Amino acid sequence: MGTYKYSAEFRADAVALARSSGRPISRVAAELGVNHETLRQWIKVADEAAWPEAVAESAKDAEIAALRKQVSNGPHSPRAGVHRYCVTPKPSTTDRLRLLPVTSDSQALVATATGITR
């Protein structure tokens, strides 16, 4: 089967009929003998031709959305291996001894453990 090209006048009339009839596009397409997706595409092209600034705006919006997604998935994003929680190292023995409350018993224990006497 070869491809059949419809005239520009037929396409314009089909788009006008689909817009003005208030019936579903699939029904209008069946009555005209064309595929409903073909008619949808003709309507889309006609809309783009009528509102070129809207097409440019939607293309700009799509580009902005793609760039935002790229930035959010970039090397410095939270999803790029940067940890949310800070892991603190285990305190050394001397740090732990400094954190203990000082009592006479603990001073004697520290002096015995370190070999330092007064």
PDB file of N, CA and C in Angstrom:
ATOM      1  N   MET A   1       0.836  -1.174   0.000  1.00  0.00           N
ATOM      2  CA  MET A   1       0.000   0.000   0.000  1.00  0.00           C
ATOM      3  C   MET A   1       0.882   1.239   0.000  1.00  0.00           C
ATOM      4  N   GLY A   2       0.577   2.153  -0.850  1.00  0.00           N
ATOM      5  CA  GLY A   2       1.311   3.407  -0.901  1.00  0.00           C
ATOM      6  C   GLY A   2       0.693   4.423   0.042  1.00  0.00           C
ATOM      7  N   THR A   3       1.427   5.493   0.243  1.00  0.00           N
ATOM      8  CA  THR A   3       0.893   6.546   1.097  1.00  0.00           C
ATOM      9  C   THR A   3       0.065   7.494   0.252  1.00  0.00           C
ATOM     10  N   TYR A   4      -1.016   7.980   0.793  1.00  0.00           N
ATOM     11  CA  TYR A   4      -1.894   8.884   0.088  1.00  0.00           C
ATOM     12  C   TYR A   4      -1.807  10.234   0.761  1.00  0.00           C
ATOM     13  N   LYS A   5      -1.513  11.253  -0.001  1.00  0.00           N
ATOM     14  CA  LYS A   5      -1.409  12.605   0.550  1.00  0.00           C
ATOM     15  C   LYS A   5      -2.722  13.328   0.305  1.00  0.00           C
ATOM     16  N   TYR A   6      -3.228  13.912   1.380  1.00  0.00           N
ATOM     17  CA  TYR A   6      -4.450  14.696   1.284  1.00  0.00           C
ATOM     18  C   TYR A   6      -4.077  16.124   0.943  1.00  0.00           C
ATOM     19  N   SER A   7      -4.949  16.790   0.232  1.00  0.00           N
ATOM     20  CA  SER A   7      -4.672  18.169  -0.153  1.00  0.00           C
ATOM     21  C   SER A   7      -4.740  19.072   1.079  1.00  0.00           C
ATOM     22  N   ALA A   8      -4.091  20.217   0.987  1.00  0.00           N
ATOM     23  CA  ALA A   8      -4.088  21.179   2.085  1.00  0.00           C
ATOM     24  C   ALA A   8      -5.506  21.675   2.353  1.00  0.00           C
ATOM     25  N   GLU A   9      -6.296  21.813   1.290  1.00  0.00           N
ATOM     26  CA  GLU A   9      -7.675  22.268   1.455  1.00  0.00           C
ATOM     27  C   GLU A   9      -8.509  21.230   2.219  1.00  0.00           C
ATOM     28  N   PHE A  10      -8.329  19.941   1.883  1.00  0.00           N
ATOM     29  CA  PHE A  10      -9.049  18.881   2.587  1.00  0.00           C
ATOM     30  C   PHE A  10      -8.666  18.867   4.066  1.00  0.00           C
ATOM     31  N   ARG A  11      -7.374  19.009   4.344  1.00  0.00           N
ATOM     32  CA  ARG A  11      -6.906  19.026   5.739  1.00  0.00           C
ATOM     33  C   ARG A  11      -7.518  20.200   6.506  1.00  0.00           C
ATOM     34  N   ALA A  12      -7.504  21.373   5.886  1.00  0.00           N
ATOM     35  CA  ALA A  12      -8.060  22.558   6.557  1.00  0.00           C
ATOM     36  C   ALA A  12      -9.553  22.374   6.822  1.00  0.00           C
ATOM     37  N   ASP A  13     -10.274  21.825   5.837  1.00  0.00           N
ATOM     38  CA  ASP A  13     -11.707  21.587   6.022  1.00  0.00           C
ATOM     39  C   ASP A  13     -11.964  20.547   7.112  1.00  0.00           C
ATOM     40  N   ALA A  14     -11.130  19.507   7.178  1.00  0.00           N
ATOM     41  CA  ALA A  14     -11.294  18.464   8.195  1.00  0.00           C
ATOM     42  C   ALA A  14     -11.043  19.035   9.593  1.00  0.00           C
ATOM     43  N   VAL A  15     -10.037  19.880   9.712  1.00  0.00           N
ATOM     44  CA  VAL A  15      -9.734  20.513  11.004  1.00  0.00           C
ATOM     45  C   VAL A  15     -10.881  21.432  11.403  1.00  0.00           C
ATOM     46  N   ALA A  16     -11.377  22.221  10.476  1.00  0.00           N
ATOM     47  CA  ALA A  16     -12.492  23.130  10.773  1.00  0.00           C
ATOM     48  C   ALA A  16     -13.734  22.342  11.186  1.00  0.00           C
ATOM     49  N   LEU A  17     -14.017  21.230  10.503  1.00  0.00           N
ATOM     50  CA  LEU A  17     -15.172  20.404  10.833  1.00  0.00           C
ATOM     51  C   LEU A  17     -15.021  19.792  12.230  1.00  0.00           C
ATOM     52  N   ALA A  18     -13.815  19.297  12.537  1.00  0.00           N
ATOM     53  CA  ALA A  18     -13.583  18.684  13.852  1.00  0.00           C
ATOM     54  C   ALA A  18     -13.732  19.708  14.971  1.00  0.00           C
ATOM     55  N   ARG A  19     -13.293  20.915  14.727  1.00  0.00           N
ATOM     56  CA  ARG A  19     -13.374  21.968  15.756  1.00  0.00           C
ATOM     57  C   ARG A  19     -14.807  22.459  15.946  1.00  0.00           C
ATOM     58  N   SER A  20     -15.535  22.580  14.859  1.00  0.00           N
ATOM     59  CA  SER A  20     -16.860  23.192  14.947  1.00  0.00           C
ATOM     60  C   SER A  20     -17.983  22.201  15.253  1.00  0.00           C
ATOM     61  N   SER A  21     -17.760  20.925  15.008  1.00  0.00           N
ATOM     62  CA  SER A  21     -18.866  19.966  15.133  1.00  0.00           C
ATOM     63  C   SER A  21     -19.198  19.626  16.580  1.00  0.00           C
ATOM     64  N   GLY A  22     -18.227  19.658  17.473  1.00  0.00           N
ATOM     65  CA  GLY A  22     -18.464  19.284  18.858  1.00  0.00           C
ATOM     66  C   GLY A  22     -18.517  17.775  19.057  1.00  0.00           C
ATOM     67  N   ARG A  23     -18.280  17.036  18.015  1.00  0.00           N
ATOM     68  CA  ARG A  23     -18.267  15.575  18.104  1.00  0.00           C
ATOM     69  C   ARG A  23     -16.842  15.090  18.355  1.00  0.00           C
ATOM     70  N   PRO A  24     -16.694  13.859  18.830  1.00  0.00           N
ATOM     71  CA  PRO A  24     -15.349  13.329  19.050  1.00  0.00           C
ATOM     72  C   PRO A  24     -14.548  13.272  17.751  1.00  0.00           C
ATOM     73  N   ILE A  25     -13.255  13.469  17.891  1.00  0.00           N
ATOM     74  CA  ILE A  25     -12.373  13.471  16.718  1.00  0.00           C
ATOM     75  C   ILE A  25     -12.439  12.130  16.000  1.00  0.00           C
ATOM     76  N   SER A  26     -12.540  11.041  16.757  1.00  0.00           N
ATOM     77  CA  SER A  26     -12.586   9.721  16.127  1.00  0.00           C
ATOM     78  C   SER A  26     -13.813   9.560  15.218  1.00  0.00           C
ATOM     79  N   ARG A  27     -14.948  10.135  15.641  1.00  0.00           N
ATOM     80  CA  ARG A  27     -16.160  10.035  14.827  1.00  0.00           C
ATOM     81  C   ARG A  27     -16.028  10.871  13.551  1.00  0.00           C
ATOM     82  N   VAL A  28     -15.503  12.094  13.684  1.00  0.00           N
ATOM     83  CA  VAL A  28     -15.319  12.953  12.508  1.00  0.00           C
ATOM     84  C   VAL A  28     -14.338  12.299  11.540  1.00  0.00           C
ATOM     85  N   ALA A  29     -13.270  11.727  12.075  1.00  0.00           N
ATOM     86  CA  ALA A  29     -12.274  11.067  11.221  1.00  0.00           C
ATOM     87  C   ALA A  29     -12.882   9.880  10.481  1.00  0.00           C
ATOM     88  N   ALA A  30     -13.706   9.100  11.183  1.00  0.00           N
ATOM     89  CA  ALA A  30     -14.348   7.948  10.527  1.00  0.00           C
ATOM     90  C   ALA A  30     -15.277   8.402   9.408  1.00  0.00           C
ATOM     91  N   GLU A  31     -16.002   9.495   9.632  1.00  0.00           N
ATOM     92  CA  GLU A  31     -16.900  10.005   8.590  1.00  0.00           C
ATOM     93  C   GLU A  31     -16.127  10.514   7.380  1.00  0.00           C
ATOM     94  N   LEU A  32     -14.930  11.061   7.625  1.00  0.00           N
ATOM     95  CA  LEU A  32     -14.112  11.568   6.517  1.00  0.00           C
ATOM     96  C   LEU A  32     -13.277  10.476   5.857  1.00  0.00           C
ATOM     97  N   GLY A  33     -13.162   9.333   6.523  1.00  0.00           N
ATOM     98  CA  GLY A  33     -12.390   8.228   5.956  1.00  0.00           C
ATOM     99  C   GLY A  33     -10.893   8.353   6.212  1.00  0.00           C
ATOM    100  N   VAL A  34     -10.514   9.014   7.298  1.00  0.00           N
ATOM    101  CA  VAL A  34      -9.093   9.122   7.659  1.00  0.00           C
ATOM    102  C   VAL A  34      -8.908   8.537   9.056  1.00  0.00           C
ATOM    103  N   ASN A  35      -7.708   8.215   9.363  1.00  0.00           N
ATOM    104  CA  ASN A  35      -7.375   7.703  10.680  1.00  0.00           C
ATOM    105  C   ASN A  35      -7.545   8.821  11.706  1.00  0.00           C
ATOM    106  N   HIS A  36      -8.054   8.476  12.897  1.00  0.00           N
ATOM    107  CA  HIS A  36      -8.286   9.509  13.917  1.00  0.00           C
ATOM    108  C   HIS A  36      -6.979  10.146  14.391  1.00  0.00           C
ATOM    109  N   GLU A  37      -5.890   9.378  14.413  1.00  0.00           N
ATOM    110  CA  GLU A  37      -4.597   9.960  14.810  1.00  0.00           C
ATOM    111  C   GLU A  37      -4.082  10.928  13.743  1.00  0.00           C
ATOM    112  N   THR A  38      -4.403  10.647  12.487  1.00  0.00           N
ATOM    113  CA  THR A  38      -4.027  11.567  11.414  1.00  0.00           C
ATOM    114  C   THR A  38      -4.736  12.895  11.591  1.00  0.00           C
ATOM    115  N   LEU A  39      -6.043  12.830  11.874  1.00  0.00           N
ATOM    116  CA  LEU A  39      -6.807  14.050  12.106  1.00  0.00           C
ATOM    117  C   LEU A  39      -6.297  14.793  13.345  1.00  0.00           C
ATOM    118  N   ARG A  40      -5.958  14.063  14.396  1.00  0.00           N
ATOM    119  CA  ARG A  40      -5.394  14.704  15.597  1.00  0.00           C
ATOM    120  C   ARG A  40      -4.100  15.453  15.255  1.00  0.00           C
ATOM    121  N   GLN A  41      -3.277  14.823  14.440  1.00  0.00           N
ATOM    122  CA  GLN A  41      -2.013  15.449  14.037  1.00  0.00           C
ATOM    123  C   GLN A  41      -2.275  16.705  13.210  1.00  0.00           C
ATOM    124  N   TRP A  42      -3.248  16.658  12.325  1.00  0.00           N
ATOM    125  CA  TRP A  42      -3.587  17.849  11.533  1.00  0.00           C
ATOM    126  C   TRP A  42      -4.057  18.979  12.442  1.00  0.00           C
ATOM    127  N   ILE A  43      -4.861  18.659  13.457  1.00  0.00           N
ATOM    128  CA  ILE A  43      -5.333  19.679  14.394  1.00  0.00           C
ATOM    129  C   ILE A  43      -4.159  20.255  15.174  1.00  0.00           C
ATOM    130  N   LYS A  44      -3.243  19.396  15.590  1.00  0.00           N
ATOM    131  CA  LYS A  44      -2.063  19.853  16.337  1.00  0.00           C
ATOM    132  C   LYS A  44      -1.206  20.795  15.488  1.00  0.00           C
ATOM    133  N   VAL A  45      -0.994  20.433  14.237  1.00  0.00           N
ATOM    134  CA  VAL A  45      -0.199  21.277  13.336  1.00  0.00           C
ATOM    135  C   VAL A  45      -0.896  22.610  13.106  1.00  0.00           C
ATOM    136  N   ALA A  46      -2.222  22.579  12.952  1.00  0.00           N
ATOM    137  CA  ALA A  46      -2.971  23.820  12.748  1.00  0.00           C
ATOM    138  C   ALA A  46      -2.885  24.710  13.989  1.00  0.00           C
ATOM    139  N   ASP A  47      -2.959  24.118  15.175  1.00  0.00           N
ATOM    140  CA  ASP A  47      -2.826  24.899  16.410  1.00  0.00           C
ATOM    141  C   ASP A  47      -1.443  25.523  16.520  1.00  0.00           C
ATOM    142  N   GLU A  48      -0.421  24.757  16.181  1.00  0.00           N
ATOM    143  CA  GLU A  48       0.949  25.275  16.241  1.00  0.00           C
ATOM    144  C   GLU A  48       1.157  26.414  15.243  1.00  0.00           C
ATOM    145  N   ALA A  49       0.520  26.303  14.078  1.00  0.00           N
ATOM    146  CA  ALA A  49       0.647  27.362  13.080  1.00  0.00           C
ATOM    147  C   ALA A  49      -0.098  28.619  13.517  1.00  0.00           C
ATOM    148  N   ALA A  50      -1.217  28.420  14.224  1.00  0.00           N
ATOM    149  CA  ALA A  50      -2.004  29.571  14.667  1.00  0.00           C
ATOM    150  C   ALA A  50      -1.367  30.274  15.858  1.00  0.00           C
ATOM    151  N   TRP A  51      -0.641  29.546  16.709  1.00  0.00           N
ATOM    152  CA  TRP A  51      -0.042  30.104  17.919  1.00  0.00           C
ATOM    153  C   TRP A  51       1.440  29.753  18.001  1.00  0.00           C
ATOM    154  N   PRO A  52       2.274  30.312  17.133  1.00  0.00           N
ATOM    155  CA  PRO A  52       3.702  29.948  17.168  1.00  0.00           C
ATOM    156  C   PRO A  52       4.391  30.352  18.471  1.00  0.00           C
ATOM    157  N   GLU A  53       3.916  31.439  19.114  1.00  0.00           N
ATOM    158  CA  GLU A  53       4.539  31.849  20.382  1.00  0.00           C
ATOM    159  C   GLU A  53       4.233  30.845  21.491  1.00  0.00           C
ATOM    160  N   ALA A  54       3.074  30.193  21.418  1.00  0.00           N
ATOM    161  CA  ALA A  54       2.744  29.169  22.412  1.00  0.00           C
ATOM    162  C   ALA A  54       3.650  27.952  22.248  1.00  0.00           C
ATOM    163  N   VAL A  55       3.963  27.611  21.013  1.00  0.00           N
ATOM    164  CA  VAL A  55       4.864  26.488  20.751  1.00  0.00           C
ATOM    165  C   VAL A  55       6.258  26.819  21.274  1.00  0.00           C
ATOM    166  N   ALA A  56       6.709  28.053  21.013  1.00  0.00           N
ATOM    167  CA  ALA A  56       8.029  28.467  21.490  1.00  0.00           C
ATOM    168  C   ALA A  56       8.062  28.484  23.012  1.00  0.00           C
ATOM    169  N   GLU A  57       6.975  28.921  23.631  1.00  0.00           N
ATOM    170  CA  GLU A  57       6.899  28.957  25.096  1.00  0.00           C
ATOM    171  C   GLU A  57       6.936  27.547  25.680  1.00  0.00           C
ATOM    172  N   SER A  58       6.204  26.614  25.072  1.00  0.00           N
ATOM    173  CA  SER A  58       6.206  25.245  25.593  1.00  0.00           C
ATOM    174  C   SER A  58       7.564  24.582  25.387  1.00  0.00           C
ATOM    175  N   ALA A  59       8.246  24.899  24.291  1.00  0.00           N
ATOM    176  CA  ALA A  59       9.588  24.368  24.074  1.00  0.00           C
ATOM    177  C   ALA A  59      10.555  24.931  25.109  1.00  0.00           C
ATOM    178  N   LYS A  60      10.390  26.225  25.436  1.00  0.00           N
ATOM    179  CA  LYS A  60      11.235  26.846  26.455  1.00  0.00           C
ATOM    180  C   LYS A  60      10.969  26.223  27.816  1.00  0.00           C
ATOM    181  N   ASP A  61       9.690  25.980  28.131  1.00  0.00           N
ATOM    182  CA  ASP A  61       9.340  25.345  29.403  1.00  0.00           C
ATOM    183  C   ASP A  61       9.924  23.940  29.500  1.00  0.00           C
ATOM    184  N   ALA A  62       9.878  23.196  28.396  1.00  0.00           N
ATOM    185  CA  ALA A  62      10.444  21.849  28.383  1.00  0.00           C
ATOM    186  C   ALA A  62      11.950  21.891  28.598  1.00  0.00           C
ATOM    187  N   GLU A  63      12.623  22.870  27.984  1.00  0.00           N
ATOM    188  CA  GLU A  63      14.071  22.998  28.156  1.00  0.00           C
ATOM    189  C   GLU A  63      14.419  23.368  29.599  1.00  0.00           C
ATOM    190  N   ILE A  64      13.645  24.265  30.198  1.00  0.00           N
ATOM    191  CA  ILE A  64      13.877  24.663  31.590  1.00  0.00           C
ATOM    192  C   ILE A  64      13.689  23.458  32.510  1.00  0.00           C
ATOM    193  N   ALA A  65      12.650  22.665  32.273  1.00  0.00           N
ATOM    194  CA  ALA A  65      12.408  21.479  33.096  1.00  0.00           C
ATOM    195  C   ALA A  65      13.550  20.479  32.960  1.00  0.00           C
ATOM    196  N   ALA A  66      14.054  20.300  31.741  1.00  0.00           N
ATOM    197  CA  ALA A  66      15.171  19.374  31.532  1.00  0.00           C
ATOM    198  C   ALA A  66      16.429  19.867  32.236  1.00  0.00           C
ATOM    199  N   LEU A  67      16.687  21.171  32.187  1.00  0.00           N
ATOM    200  CA  LEU A  67      17.866  21.719  32.853  1.00  0.00           C
ATOM    201  C   LEU A  67      17.739  21.614  34.374  1.00  0.00           C
ATOM    202  N   ARG A  68      16.540  21.848  34.895  1.00  0.00           N
ATOM    203  CA  ARG A  68      16.343  21.705  36.346  1.00  0.00           C
ATOM    204  C   ARG A  68      16.581  20.270  36.787  1.00  0.00           C
ATOM    205  N   LYS A  69      16.124  19.335  35.996  1.00  0.00           N
ATOM    206  CA  LYS A  69      16.337  17.927  36.322  1.00  0.00           C
ATOM    207  C   LYS A  69      17.823  17.595  36.284  1.00  0.00           C
ATOM    208  N   GLN A  70      18.514  18.133  35.290  1.00  0.00           N
ATOM    209  CA  GLN A  70      19.951  17.894  35.172  1.00  0.00           C
ATOM    210  C   GLN A  70      20.697  18.471  36.375  1.00  0.00           C
ATOM    211  N   VAL A  71      20.312  19.656  36.806  1.00  0.00           N
ATOM    212  CA  VAL A  71      20.964  20.285  37.957  1.00  0.00           C
ATOM    213  C   VAL A  71      20.661  19.505  39.232  1.00  0.00           C
ATOM    214  N   SER A  72      19.414  19.059  39.395  1.00  0.00           N
ATOM    215  CA  SER A  72      19.059  18.337  40.615  1.00  0.00           C
ATOM    216  C   SER A  72      19.730  16.972  40.689  1.00  0.00           C
ATOM    217  N   ASN A  73      20.144  16.423  39.560  1.00  0.00           N
ATOM    218  CA  ASN A  73      20.838  15.141  39.555  1.00  0.00           C
ATOM    219  C   ASN A  73      22.335  15.310  39.349  1.00  0.00           C
ATOM    220  N   GLY A  74      22.832  16.530  39.495  1.00  0.00           N
ATOM    221  CA  GLY A  74      24.241  16.820  39.252  1.00  0.00           C
ATOM    222  C   GLY A  74      25.155  16.287  40.337  1.00  0.00           C
ATOM    223  N   PRO A  75      26.462  16.549  40.207  1.00  0.00           N
ATOM    224  CA  PRO A  75      27.439  15.989  41.140  1.00  0.00           C
ATOM    225  C   PRO A  75      27.340  16.547  42.557  1.00  0.00           C
ATOM    226  N   HIS A  76      26.685  17.672  42.750  1.00  0.00           N
ATOM    227  CA  HIS A  76      26.605  18.273  44.077  1.00  0.00           C
ATOM    228  C   HIS A  76      25.225  18.138  44.710  1.00  0.00           C
ATOM    229  N   SER A  77      24.373  17.349  44.099  1.00  0.00           N
ATOM    230  CA  SER A  77      23.025  17.187  44.649  1.00  0.00           C
ATOM    231  C   SER A  77      23.043  16.188  45.801  1.00  0.00           C
ATOM    232  N   PRO A  78      22.029  16.217  46.655  1.00  0.00           N
ATOM    233  CA  PRO A  78      21.979  15.261  47.764  1.00  0.00           C
ATOM    234  C   PRO A  78      21.918  13.812  47.307  1.00  0.00           C
ATOM    235  N   ARG A  79      21.453  13.584  46.083  1.00  0.00           N
ATOM    236  CA  ARG A  79      21.355  12.217  45.582  1.00  0.00           C
ATOM    237  C   ARG A  79      22.648  11.726  44.953  1.00  0.00           C
ATOM    238  N   ALA A  80      23.682  12.551  44.926  1.00  0.00           N
ATOM    239  CA  ALA A  80      24.904  12.193  44.231  1.00  0.00           C
ATOM    240  C   ALA A  80      25.974  11.644  45.168  1.00  0.00           C
ATOM    241  N   GLY A  81      25.599  11.018  46.243  1.00  0.00           N
ATOM    242  CA  GLY A  81      26.566  10.395  47.129  1.00  0.00           C
ATOM    243  C   GLY A  81      26.970  11.262  48.298  1.00  0.00           C
ATOM    244  N   VAL A  82      26.418  12.441  48.411  1.00  0.00           N
ATOM    245  CA  VAL A  82      26.706  13.296  49.549  1.00  0.00           C
ATOM    246  C   VAL A  82      25.860  12.780  50.709  1.00  0.00           C
ATOM    247  N   HIS A  83      26.495  12.502  51.817  1.00  0.00           N
ATOM    248  CA  HIS A  83      25.780  11.934  52.953  1.00  0.00           C
ATOM    249  C   HIS A  83      25.037  13.022  53.710  1.00  0.00           C
ATOM    250  N   ARG A  84      23.868  12.676  54.181  1.00  0.00           N
ATOM    251  CA  ARG A  84      23.070  13.634  54.930  1.00  0.00           C
ATOM    252  C   ARG A  84      23.477  13.684  56.391  1.00  0.00           C
ATOM    253  N   TYR A  85      24.002  12.604  56.920  1.00  0.00           N
ATOM    254  CA  TYR A  85      24.312  12.542  58.331  1.00  0.00           C
ATOM    255  C   TYR A  85      25.819  12.577  58.535  1.00  0.00           C
ATOM    256  N   CYS A  86      26.246  13.306  59.543  1.00  0.00           N
ATOM    257  CA  CYS A  86      27.658  13.427  59.864  1.00  0.00           C
ATOM    258  C   CYS A  86      28.027  12.296  60.817  1.00  0.00           C
ATOM    259  N   VAL A  87      29.048  11.557  60.463  1.00  0.00           N
ATOM    260  CA  VAL A  87      29.511  10.474  61.323  1.00  0.00           C
ATOM    261  C   VAL A  87      30.694  11.002  62.119  1.00  0.00           C
ATOM    262  N   THR A  88      30.565  10.984  63.436  1.00  0.00           N
ATOM    263  CA  THR A  88      31.664  11.469  64.269  1.00  0.00           C
ATOM    264  C   THR A  88      32.554  10.301  64.639  1.00  0.00           C
ATOM    265  N   PRO A  89      33.856  10.525  64.700  1.00  0.00           N
ATOM    266  CA  PRO A  89      34.752   9.425  65.055  1.00  0.00           C
ATOM    267  C   PRO A  89      34.583   9.045  66.528  1.00  0.00           C
ATOM    268  N   LYS A  90      34.946   7.824  66.821  1.00  0.00           N
ATOM    269  CA  LYS A  90      34.877   7.339  68.199  1.00  0.00           C
ATOM    270  C   LYS A  90      35.926   8.082  69.023  1.00  0.00           C
ATOM    271  N   PRO A  91      35.557   8.581  70.182  1.00  0.00           N
ATOM    272  CA  PRO A  91      36.536   9.325  70.973  1.00  0.00           C
ATOM    273  C   PRO A  91      37.661   8.417  71.464  1.00  0.00           C
ATOM    274  N   SER A  92      38.853   9.002  71.574  1.00  0.00           N
ATOM    275  CA  SER A  92      39.995   8.234  72.070  1.00  0.00           C
ATOM    276  C   SER A  92      39.860   8.013  73.575  1.00  0.00           C
ATOM    277  N   THR A  93      40.760   7.238  74.140  1.00  0.00           N
ATOM    278  CA  THR A  93      40.708   6.929  75.571  1.00  0.00           C
ATOM    279  C   THR A  93      40.846   8.182  76.412  1.00  0.00           C
ATOM    280  N   THR A  94      41.753   9.078  76.023  1.00  0.00           N
ATOM    281  CA  THR A  94      41.934  10.297  76.817  1.00  0.00           C
ATOM    282  C   THR A  94      40.713  11.196  76.716  1.00  0.00           C
ATOM    283  N   ASP A  95      40.083  11.216  75.543  1.00  0.00           N
ATOM    284  CA  ASP A  95      38.861  12.009  75.402  1.00  0.00           C
ATOM    285  C   ASP A  95      37.760  11.447  76.290  1.00  0.00           C
ATOM    286  N   ARG A  96      37.667  10.130  76.362  1.00  0.00           N
ATOM    287  CA  ARG A  96      36.646   9.515  77.192  1.00  0.00           C
ATOM    288  C   ARG A  96      36.904   9.806  78.670  1.00  0.00           C
ATOM    289  N   LEU A  97      38.164   9.831  79.075  1.00  0.00           N
ATOM    290  CA  LEU A  97      38.479  10.120  80.471  1.00  0.00           C
ATOM    291  C   LEU A  97      38.159  11.569  80.815  1.00  0.00           C
ATOM    292  N   ARG A  98      38.330  12.460  79.856  1.00  0.00           N
ATOM    293  CA  ARG A  98      37.999  13.861  80.096  1.00  0.00           C
ATOM    294  C   ARG A  98      36.491  14.054  80.268  1.00  0.00           C
ATOM    295  N   LEU A  99      35.710  13.188  79.627  1.00  0.00           N
ATOM    296  CA  LEU A  99      34.258  13.316  79.692  1.00  0.00           C
ATOM    297  C   LEU A  99      33.669  12.751  80.981  1.00  0.00           C
ATOM    298  N   LEU A 100      34.448  11.951  81.715  1.00  0.00           N
ATOM    299  CA  LEU A 100      33.938  11.363  82.954  1.00  0.00           C
ATOM    300  C   LEU A 100      33.851  12.421  84.043  1.00  0.00           C
ATOM    301  N   PRO A 101      32.861  12.310  84.908  1.00  0.00           N
ATOM    302  CA  PRO A 101      32.815  13.252  86.029  1.00  0.00           C
ATOM    303  C   PRO A 101      34.007  12.986  86.969  1.00  0.00           C
ATOM    304  N   VAL A 102      34.565  14.065  87.486  1.00  0.00           N
ATOM    305  CA  VAL A 102      35.751  13.954  88.333  1.00  0.00           C
ATOM    306  C   VAL A 102      35.317  13.721  89.776  1.00  0.00           C
ATOM    307  N   THR A 103      35.740  12.610  90.313  1.00  0.00           N
ATOM    308  CA  THR A 103      35.529  12.303  91.727  1.00  0.00           C
ATOM    309  C   THR A 103      36.859  11.854  92.298  1.00  0.00           C
ATOM    310  N   SER A 104      36.927  11.732  93.550  1.00  0.00           N
ATOM    311  CA  SER A 104      38.188  11.296  94.159  1.00  0.00           C
ATOM    312  C   SER A 104      38.526   9.878  93.733  1.00  0.00           C
ATOM    313  N   ASP A 105      37.496   9.038  93.557  1.00  0.00           N
ATOM    314  CA  ASP A 105      37.747   7.662  93.112  1.00  0.00           C
ATOM    315  C   ASP A 105      38.268   7.635  91.680  1.00  0.00           C
ATOM    316  N   SER A 106      37.712   8.491  90.808  1.00  0.00           N
ATOM    317  CA  SER A 106      38.152   8.502  89.420  1.00  0.00           C
ATOM    318  C   SER A 106      39.554   9.072  89.298  1.00  0.00           C
ATOM    319  N   GLN A 107      39.925  10.041  90.139  1.00  0.00           N
ATOM    320  CA  GLN A 107      41.284  10.580  90.100  1.00  0.00           C
ATOM    321  C   GLN A 107      42.286   9.500  90.485  1.00  0.00           C
ATOM    322  N   ALA A 108      41.956   8.713  91.455  1.00  0.00           N
ATOM    323  CA  ALA A 108      42.849   7.624  91.866  1.00  0.00           C
ATOM    324  C   ALA A 108      42.941   6.589  90.765  1.00  0.00           C
ATOM    325  N   LEU A 109      41.824   6.315  90.095  1.00  0.00           N
ATOM    326  CA  LEU A 109      41.819   5.338  89.013  1.00  0.00           C
ATOM    327  C   LEU A 109      42.658   5.820  87.840  1.00  0.00           C
ATOM    328  N   VAL A 110      42.547   7.091  87.477  1.00  0.00           N
ATOM    329  CA  VAL A 110      43.320   7.661  86.388  1.00  0.00           C
ATOM    330  C   VAL A 110      44.806   7.639  86.754  1.00  0.00           C
ATOM    331  N   ALA A 111      45.132   7.991  87.957  1.00  0.00           N
ATOM    332  CA  ALA A 111      46.518   8.011  88.379  1.00  0.00           C
ATOM    333  C   ALA A 111      47.105   6.610  88.340  1.00  0.00           C
ATOM    334  N   THR A 112      46.351   5.624  88.713  1.00  0.00           N
ATOM    335  CA  THR A 112      46.835   4.247  88.687  1.00  0.00           C
ATOM    336  C   THR A 112      46.998   3.772  87.243  1.00  0.00           C
ATOM    337  N   ALA A 113      46.031   4.103  86.383  1.00  0.00           N
ATOM    338  CA  ALA A 113      46.053   3.629  85.006  1.00  0.00           C
ATOM    339  C   ALA A 113      47.173   4.280  84.202  1.00  0.00           C
ATOM    340  N   THR A 114      47.438   5.539  84.443  1.00  0.00           N
ATOM    341  CA  THR A 114      48.447   6.242  83.652  1.00  0.00           C
ATOM    342  C   THR A 114      49.817   6.215  84.301  1.00  0.00           C
ATOM    343  N   GLY A 115      49.895   5.856  85.555  1.00  0.00           N
ATOM    344  CA  GLY A 115      51.167   5.834  86.243  1.00  0.00           C
ATOM    345  C   GLY A 115      51.598   7.185  86.733  1.00  0.00           C
ATOM    346  N   ILE A 116      50.704   8.154  86.702  1.00  0.00           N
ATOM    347  CA  ILE A 116      51.018   9.508  87.161  1.00  0.00           C
ATOM    348  C   ILE A 116      50.531   9.618  88.597  1.00  0.00           C
ATOM    349  N   THR A 117      51.431  10.028  89.464  1.00  0.00           N
ATOM    350  CA  THR A 117      51.058  10.242  90.862  1.00  0.00           C
ATOM    351  C   THR A 117      51.376  11.671  91.238  1.00  0.00           C
ATOM    352  N   ARG A 118      50.736  12.182  92.241  1.00  0.00           N
ATOM    353  CA  ARG A 118      50.973  13.562  92.650  1.00  0.00           C
ATOM    354  C   ARG A 118      52.085  13.651  93.596  1.00  0.00           C
TER     355      ARG A 118
END
